[in-house]
Amino acid sequence: MRQARWHSRCATVLFRGVLALCVLLPMAACTTVPPSNVESNAVLTPSSKITRDLLKLPLPKAKVAVAVYGMRDQTGQYKPSPDSSYSTAVTQGSASMLVKALKDSGWYLPVEREGLQNLLTERKIVRAIESPTEKGKPAIDLPGLLPASLVVEGGLIAYESNVRTGGKGANYLGIGSNSSYRVDQVTVSLRLVDTRTGQILGVVTVTKTIYSYQFSASVYLFTAYQNLLQGETGFTSNEPIQLGVRQALEAAVIQLTLQGVRDRFLELQNEQDIYMPLVQKYLRADQDNTNAPEDASDALIGYSTLASESHAGMVQPFVLSPAGVVPLPRPAGATLPDPSKKPVLLPRLEQL
């Protein structure tokens, strides 16, 4: 009887030892191989599906000069301790991302405003260096700065941590694994302001989720008396917050631009491009977000009916002329159009 128990114990210890080795050997092999894709040369920031949609927007009739004075961090969030008690949770370079998104869209001519003082200083230096030293020599004549027809205002208005968390795991005889995930979200808000009247032409708010995932596996058991076997492995994947902010800004630029086309203060080169699948997808997303009737969800979305006889919502662009920078006059006969007729299309900023 004792001999049978001893054989049973030996078999159990042997089984657990073999099981532990089967788990530990691959883990030990992995520790001798350095992880891949952790060292690489500098590359361009990878594009996302939103970036590709931004680059595929239909062409405008003419680009509009736009200014960005800054994108404030209005979240009030800081990184959790012990990482840092003073570092912000979101990037402070969102204004640069916004300028790039406006440029990449092909609809806007961004003009420098965030570093305007630096630009003015350099222009003073040019004038000082090239000022005439000889009598009768003409003075340097720098062209005037291009004023903006639109100003983009807004900021990062929210960053929420642990919006959703979860995970799963299992353990048997000291051998187990578990995984967990966490979802944060960042929210940006943009608005287009007409520099001529100060009227807010469009407002959009976009939310982007930030996904984090963790996996770990461990072994903890006795292979024999006073012989402890212990091993562990795992990895963590965190979506970069700055890429999430970039995608949110790009999506906001797309929505603002297409809402401007729908509301007729921005103009397509080809009016029929409003029925492109890409354009309809974003216009329908905006419509569905406002609880549109279900029977209208599959209908094509066209131009909105203008609600003001004075065309207060239309952008009055600036153009360059020999006399300097002057505003374009309003189009003659600017009255409320008949919805059954073609939409009124105002002239845009000349292509530079």
Protein backbone atom coordinates (compact mmCIF):
# COMPACT_ATOMS: atom_id res chain seq x y z
CA MET A 1 0.00 0.00 0.00
CA ARG A 2 2.79 2.39 0.92
CA GLN A 3 4.66 1.40 -2.20
CA ALA A 4 1.60 2.21 -4.32
CA ARG A 5 1.26 5.62 -2.67
CA TRP A 6 4.96 6.30 -3.24
CA HIS A 7 4.63 5.39 -6.93
CA SER A 8 1.55 7.61 -7.21
CA ARG A 9 3.40 10.54 -5.65
CA CYS A 10 6.38 10.06 -7.97
CA ALA A 11 4.06 9.98 -10.96
CA THR A 12 2.35 13.19 -9.84
CA VAL A 13 5.66 15.01 -9.27
CA LEU A 14 6.98 13.73 -12.60
CA PHE A 15 3.82 14.86 -14.40
CA ARG A 16 3.99 18.34 -12.86
CA GLY A 17 7.69 18.58 -13.66
CA VAL A 18 7.15 17.63 -17.30
CA LEU A 19 4.22 20.05 -17.54
CA ALA A 20 6.31 22.84 -16.06
CA LEU A 21 9.19 22.14 -18.43
CA CYS A 22 6.84 22.21 -21.42
CA VAL A 23 5.78 25.69 -20.38
CA LEU A 24 9.15 26.92 -19.16
CA LEU A 25 11.33 25.84 -22.09
CA PRO A 26 9.54 27.99 -24.70
CA MET A 27 9.56 30.85 -22.21
CA ALA A 28 13.28 30.40 -21.58
CA ALA A 29 13.92 30.28 -25.32
CA CYS A 30 12.06 33.56 -25.74
CA THR A 31 14.22 35.25 -23.13
CA THR A 32 17.34 34.56 -25.21
CA VAL A 33 15.88 36.19 -28.33
CA PRO A 34 15.58 39.98 -28.26
CA PRO A 35 12.11 41.30 -29.08
CA SER A 36 11.55 42.48 -32.62
CA ASN A 37 10.31 45.86 -33.85
CA VAL A 38 11.67 47.73 -30.85
CA GLU A 39 14.61 49.38 -32.60
CA SER A 40 14.20 51.12 -35.93
CA ASN A 41 15.23 54.20 -37.82
CA ALA A 42 13.10 57.32 -37.78
CA VAL A 43 10.15 57.09 -40.16
CA LEU A 44 7.21 59.25 -41.07
CA THR A 45 4.34 59.02 -38.62
CA PRO A 46 2.12 56.18 -39.87
CA SER A 47 -1.14 57.21 -41.44
CA SER A 48 -4.54 55.90 -40.42
CA LYS A 49 -7.81 55.32 -42.27
CA ILE A 50 -8.92 58.81 -41.23
CA THR A 51 -5.73 60.26 -42.74
CA ARG A 52 -6.39 58.49 -46.03
CA ASP A 53 -9.97 59.79 -46.05
CA LEU A 54 -8.64 63.30 -45.47
CA LEU A 55 -6.36 63.00 -48.50
CA LYS A 56 -9.21 61.69 -50.67
CA LEU A 57 -11.55 64.64 -50.13
CA PRO A 58 -12.94 66.09 -53.38
CA LEU A 59 -11.20 69.17 -54.74
CA PRO A 60 -12.40 72.66 -53.80
CA LYS A 61 -13.10 75.36 -56.33
CA ALA A 62 -10.44 77.42 -54.57
CA LYS A 63 -8.55 77.20 -51.30
CA VAL A 64 -9.45 79.43 -48.36
CA ALA A 65 -6.85 81.11 -46.15
CA VAL A 66 -7.21 79.91 -42.57
CA ALA A 67 -5.44 80.83 -39.32
CA VAL A 68 -4.78 78.71 -36.24
CA TYR A 69 -3.71 80.66 -33.16
CA GLY A 70 -3.44 77.61 -30.93
CA MET A 71 -5.15 74.54 -29.52
CA ARG A 72 -5.49 74.75 -25.76
CA ASP A 73 -5.40 71.76 -23.45
CA GLN A 74 -8.71 72.15 -21.62
CA THR A 75 -8.79 68.63 -20.17
CA GLY A 76 -7.19 69.50 -16.82
CA GLN A 77 -5.76 65.97 -16.72
CA TYR A 78 -2.26 64.94 -15.64
CA LYS A 79 -0.46 61.64 -15.89
CA PRO A 80 -1.17 59.39 -12.89
CA SER A 81 1.47 58.94 -10.22
CA PRO A 82 4.12 57.61 -9.94
CA ASP A 83 4.75 58.43 -13.63
CA SER A 84 4.48 62.14 -13.02
CA SER A 85 2.39 64.58 -11.07
CA TYR A 86 3.07 67.48 -13.42
CA SER A 87 3.12 66.04 -16.97
CA THR A 88 -0.11 66.44 -18.86
CA ALA A 89 -2.03 63.41 -20.06
CA VAL A 90 -2.38 64.70 -23.64
CA THR A 91 0.04 66.26 -26.08
CA GLN A 92 0.58 70.01 -26.09
CA GLY A 93 1.41 70.03 -29.81
CA SER A 94 -2.13 69.63 -31.11
CA ALA A 95 -1.97 73.01 -32.92
CA SER A 96 0.80 71.66 -35.16
CA MET A 97 -1.27 68.55 -35.87
CA LEU A 98 -4.27 70.72 -36.75
CA VAL A 99 -2.26 72.86 -39.17
CA LYS A 100 -0.99 69.72 -40.93
CA ALA A 101 -4.52 68.31 -41.17
CA LEU A 102 -5.80 71.57 -42.69
CA LYS A 103 -2.92 71.58 -45.17
CA ASP A 104 -3.34 67.91 -46.12
CA SER A 105 -7.06 68.31 -46.76
CA GLY A 106 -6.36 70.42 -49.85
CA TRP A 107 -9.10 72.89 -48.90
CA TYR A 108 -7.17 75.45 -46.89
CA LEU A 109 -4.11 77.69 -47.05
CA PRO A 110 -2.86 77.82 -43.43
CA VAL A 111 -1.15 81.10 -42.55
CA GLU A 112 1.32 81.44 -39.71
CA ARG A 113 -0.19 82.86 -36.55
CA GLU A 114 1.15 80.84 -33.63
CA GLY A 115 4.69 82.07 -34.35
CA LEU A 116 3.59 85.42 -35.78
CA GLN A 117 6.01 87.44 -33.64
CA ASN A 118 8.95 85.44 -34.98
CA LEU A 119 7.76 86.04 -38.53
CA LEU A 120 7.43 89.78 -37.96
CA THR A 121 10.91 89.91 -36.42
CA GLU A 122 12.42 88.23 -39.48
CA ARG A 123 10.64 90.66 -41.78
CA LYS A 124 12.12 93.56 -39.81
CA ILE A 125 15.58 92.02 -40.18
CA VAL A 126 15.11 91.74 -43.94
CA ARG A 127 14.08 95.37 -44.17
CA ALA A 128 17.03 96.44 -42.01
CA ILE A 129 19.60 94.49 -44.04
CA GLU A 130 18.26 95.42 -47.46
CA SER A 131 17.44 99.05 -46.70
CA PRO A 132 18.98 101.40 -49.25
CA THR A 133 22.41 102.78 -48.31
CA GLU A 134 22.84 104.72 -51.49
CA LYS A 135 20.79 107.73 -52.44
CA GLY A 136 18.22 106.98 -55.08
CA LYS A 137 18.31 103.18 -54.55
CA PRO A 138 14.79 101.79 -54.14
CA ALA A 139 13.84 100.43 -50.74
CA ILE A 140 12.96 96.79 -50.21
CA ASP A 141 9.29 96.15 -50.76
CA LEU A 142 8.11 93.03 -48.93
CA PRO A 143 4.68 91.76 -49.94
CA GLY A 144 1.98 92.12 -47.33
CA LEU A 145 0.98 89.20 -45.15
CA LEU A 146 -2.02 87.22 -46.34
CA PRO A 147 -5.02 87.72 -44.03
CA ALA A 148 -7.18 84.74 -43.15
CA SER A 149 -10.81 84.41 -44.20
CA LEU A 150 -11.40 81.83 -41.47
CA VAL A 151 -10.03 81.23 -37.99
CA VAL A 152 -10.08 77.74 -36.50
CA GLU A 153 -10.63 77.81 -32.75
CA GLY A 154 -11.10 75.01 -30.25
CA GLY A 155 -9.17 72.73 -27.97
CA LEU A 156 -8.80 69.35 -26.32
CA ILE A 157 -11.82 69.44 -24.07
CA ALA A 158 -11.76 66.04 -22.34
CA TYR A 159 -9.56 63.07 -21.53
CA GLU A 160 -11.27 60.27 -19.62
CA SER A 161 -9.32 57.34 -18.17
CA ASN A 162 -10.68 53.83 -17.57
CA VAL A 163 -13.88 54.40 -19.49
CA ARG A 164 -14.06 50.64 -19.87
CA THR A 165 -11.86 47.92 -18.37
CA GLY A 166 -11.95 44.15 -18.37
CA GLY A 167 -9.95 40.94 -18.63
CA LYS A 168 -9.84 37.19 -18.20
CA GLY A 169 -7.48 34.57 -16.81
CA ALA A 170 -7.07 30.99 -15.61
CA ASN A 171 -4.69 29.14 -13.29
CA TYR A 172 -4.17 25.44 -12.63
CA LEU A 173 -1.50 23.82 -10.47
CA GLY A 174 0.44 27.10 -10.34
CA ILE A 175 0.43 27.50 -14.15
CA GLY A 176 -1.76 30.21 -15.62
CA SER A 177 -2.20 33.26 -17.78
CA ASN A 178 -4.35 36.34 -17.77
CA SER A 179 -5.13 39.30 -20.01
CA SER A 180 -6.66 42.69 -19.36
CA TYR A 181 -7.57 45.77 -21.34
CA ARG A 182 -8.37 49.41 -20.70
CA VAL A 183 -10.14 52.00 -22.83
CA ASP A 184 -9.56 55.73 -22.43
CA GLN A 185 -11.01 58.43 -24.64
CA VAL A 186 -9.99 61.90 -25.80
CA THR A 187 -12.40 64.54 -27.11
CA VAL A 188 -11.57 67.54 -29.31
CA SER A 189 -13.80 70.41 -30.36
CA LEU A 190 -13.24 72.72 -33.37
CA ARG A 191 -15.16 75.70 -34.69
CA LEU A 192 -14.82 77.80 -37.84
CA VAL A 193 -15.10 81.55 -37.35
CA ASP A 194 -15.67 84.10 -40.13
CA THR A 195 -13.06 86.85 -39.66
CA ARG A 196 -15.29 89.38 -41.41
CA THR A 197 -18.28 89.10 -39.07
CA GLY A 198 -17.06 86.95 -36.17
CA GLN A 199 -19.88 84.52 -36.91
CA ILE A 200 -19.31 80.89 -35.99
CA LEU A 201 -19.98 78.98 -39.21
CA GLY A 202 -19.51 75.43 -37.95
CA VAL A 203 -18.80 73.50 -34.75
CA VAL A 204 -17.84 69.85 -34.46
CA THR A 205 -16.88 67.61 -31.53
CA VAL A 206 -15.05 64.32 -32.10
CA THR A 207 -14.25 61.56 -29.59
CA LYS A 208 -11.49 58.98 -30.12
CA THR A 209 -10.86 55.92 -27.93
CA ILE A 210 -7.37 55.01 -26.69
CA TYR A 211 -6.92 51.25 -26.34
CA SER A 212 -4.43 49.47 -24.04
CA TYR A 213 -3.93 45.69 -23.72
CA GLN A 214 -1.83 43.54 -21.37
CA PHE A 215 -1.09 39.81 -21.40
CA SER A 216 0.95 37.78 -18.90
CA ALA A 217 1.66 34.11 -18.19
CA SER A 218 3.39 32.59 -15.15
CA VAL A 219 4.52 29.28 -13.65
CA TYR A 220 4.85 28.79 -9.88
CA LEU A 221 5.10 25.22 -8.51
CA PHE A 222 7.29 22.77 -6.62
CA THR A 223 8.89 20.15 -8.86
CA ALA A 224 10.32 18.30 -5.88
CA TYR A 225 10.81 18.78 -2.18
CA GLN A 226 12.22 22.31 -1.64
CA ASN A 227 12.66 22.71 -5.41
CA LEU A 228 10.60 25.65 -6.63
CA LEU A 229 10.07 26.40 -10.31
CA GLN A 230 9.05 29.97 -11.18
CA GLY A 231 8.80 31.74 -14.54
CA GLU A 232 6.80 34.52 -16.15
CA THR A 233 6.36 36.31 -19.45
CA GLY A 234 4.06 38.90 -20.94
CA PHE A 235 3.67 42.04 -23.00
CA THR A 236 1.73 45.29 -23.01
CA SER A 237 0.42 47.24 -25.99
CA ASN A 238 -0.61 50.88 -25.55
CA GLU A 239 -2.08 52.96 -28.36
CA PRO A 240 -0.13 56.26 -28.45
CA ILE A 241 -2.24 59.12 -27.17
CA GLN A 242 -0.76 61.56 -29.66
CA LEU A 243 -1.91 59.35 -32.57
CA GLY A 244 -5.40 59.30 -31.08
CA VAL A 245 -5.40 63.10 -30.83
CA ARG A 246 -4.19 63.34 -34.43
CA GLN A 247 -6.98 61.09 -35.70
CA ALA A 248 -9.58 63.06 -33.76
CA LEU A 249 -8.32 66.35 -35.25
CA GLU A 250 -8.28 64.92 -38.78
CA ALA A 251 -11.82 63.60 -38.39
CA ALA A 252 -12.91 67.01 -37.08
CA VAL A 253 -11.37 68.76 -40.11
CA ILE A 254 -13.19 66.37 -42.46
CA GLN A 255 -16.51 66.96 -40.72
CA LEU A 256 -16.06 70.76 -40.64
CA THR A 257 -15.16 70.85 -44.32
CA LEU A 258 -18.03 68.68 -45.50
CA GLN A 259 -20.51 70.46 -43.26
CA GLY A 260 -19.29 73.68 -44.86
CA VAL A 261 -19.96 72.22 -48.30
CA ARG A 262 -23.41 71.10 -47.22
CA ASP A 263 -24.20 74.50 -45.69
CA ARG A 264 -22.72 76.29 -48.74
CA PHE A 265 -20.02 78.44 -47.22
CA LEU A 266 -17.39 76.20 -48.85
CA GLU A 267 -17.52 75.33 -52.53
CA LEU A 268 -16.75 72.15 -54.46
CA GLN A 269 -14.96 72.26 -57.78
CA ASN A 270 -17.54 69.81 -59.08
CA GLU A 271 -20.96 70.11 -57.44
CA GLN A 272 -21.76 66.45 -58.06
CA ASP A 273 -18.87 65.41 -55.78
CA ILE A 274 -21.21 65.90 -52.83
CA TYR A 275 -22.70 62.52 -53.78
CA MET A 276 -19.35 60.71 -53.56
CA PRO A 277 -19.52 57.70 -51.18
CA LEU A 278 -16.79 59.20 -48.97
CA VAL A 279 -18.65 62.52 -48.65
CA GLN A 280 -21.99 60.83 -48.06
CA LYS A 281 -20.47 58.59 -45.37
CA TYR A 282 -19.36 61.54 -43.25
CA LEU A 283 -22.49 63.61 -43.90
CA ARG A 284 -24.65 60.65 -42.94
CA ALA A 285 -22.60 60.13 -39.76
CA ASP A 286 -23.30 63.75 -38.83
CA GLN A 287 -26.98 63.31 -39.64
CA ASP A 288 -27.30 60.07 -37.67
CA ASN A 289 -25.56 61.70 -34.72
CA THR A 290 -28.37 64.26 -34.57
CA ASN A 291 -31.06 61.54 -34.36
CA ALA A 292 -32.29 61.85 -37.93
CA PRO A 293 -35.45 59.92 -38.90
CA GLU A 294 -34.75 56.31 -39.82
CA ASP A 295 -36.57 56.55 -43.13
CA ALA A 296 -34.13 59.25 -44.26
CA SER A 297 -30.94 57.42 -43.28
CA ASP A 298 -30.44 55.89 -46.75
CA ALA A 299 -31.28 58.99 -48.75
CA LEU A 300 -28.58 61.01 -50.47
CA ILE A 301 -27.64 64.14 -48.56
CA GLY A 302 -27.38 67.27 -50.68
CA TYR A 303 -26.92 70.97 -50.04
CA SER A 304 -28.78 72.67 -47.23
CA THR A 305 -31.25 75.43 -47.91
CA LEU A 306 -29.86 78.86 -47.08
CA ALA A 307 -31.81 80.46 -44.28
CA SER A 308 -30.62 84.06 -44.62
CA GLU A 309 -31.28 86.47 -47.47
CA SER A 310 -28.16 88.43 -46.59
CA HIS A 311 -25.92 85.36 -46.91
CA ALA A 312 -24.47 86.07 -43.46
CA GLY A 313 -23.04 82.56 -43.33
CA MET A 314 -20.97 82.94 -46.47
CA VAL A 315 -17.24 83.46 -46.11
CA GLN A 316 -15.95 86.62 -47.76
CA PRO A 317 -12.49 85.56 -48.92
CA PHE A 318 -9.48 87.77 -49.50
CA VAL A 319 -7.47 87.86 -52.73
CA LEU A 320 -4.17 89.40 -53.71
CA SER A 321 -4.32 92.29 -56.17
CA PRO A 322 -1.80 94.88 -57.41
CA ALA A 323 -3.31 97.32 -54.92
CA GLY A 324 -2.69 94.96 -52.02
CA VAL A 325 -4.92 92.58 -50.13
CA VAL A 326 -8.58 93.48 -50.62
CA PRO A 327 -11.81 91.67 -49.82
CA LEU A 328 -13.90 90.38 -52.69
CA PRO A 329 -17.24 92.13 -53.14
CA ARG A 330 -20.40 90.23 -52.42
CA PRO A 331 -21.94 88.63 -55.51
CA ALA A 332 -24.61 90.68 -57.21
CA GLY A 333 -28.20 89.68 -56.51
CA ALA A 334 -27.39 87.63 -53.43
CA THR A 335 -30.90 86.64 -52.40
CA LEU A 336 -32.48 83.56 -50.91
CA PRO A 337 -32.26 80.84 -53.60
CA ASP A 338 -35.02 78.56 -54.68
CA PRO A 339 -34.28 75.07 -53.21
CA SER A 340 -35.34 73.50 -56.51
CA LYS A 341 -32.62 75.38 -58.40
CA LYS A 342 -28.86 75.04 -58.31
CA PRO A 343 -27.24 76.30 -55.11
CA VAL A 344 -25.66 79.73 -55.06
CA LEU A 345 -21.88 79.39 -55.30
CA LEU A 346 -19.78 82.30 -54.12
CA PRO A 347 -16.26 83.01 -55.44
CA ARG A 348 -13.41 81.66 -53.39
CA LEU A 349 -9.83 82.65 -52.78
CA GLU A 350 -7.80 82.43 -55.99
CA GLN A 351 -5.46 79.47 -56.26
CA LEU A 352 -1.94 80.51 -55.28
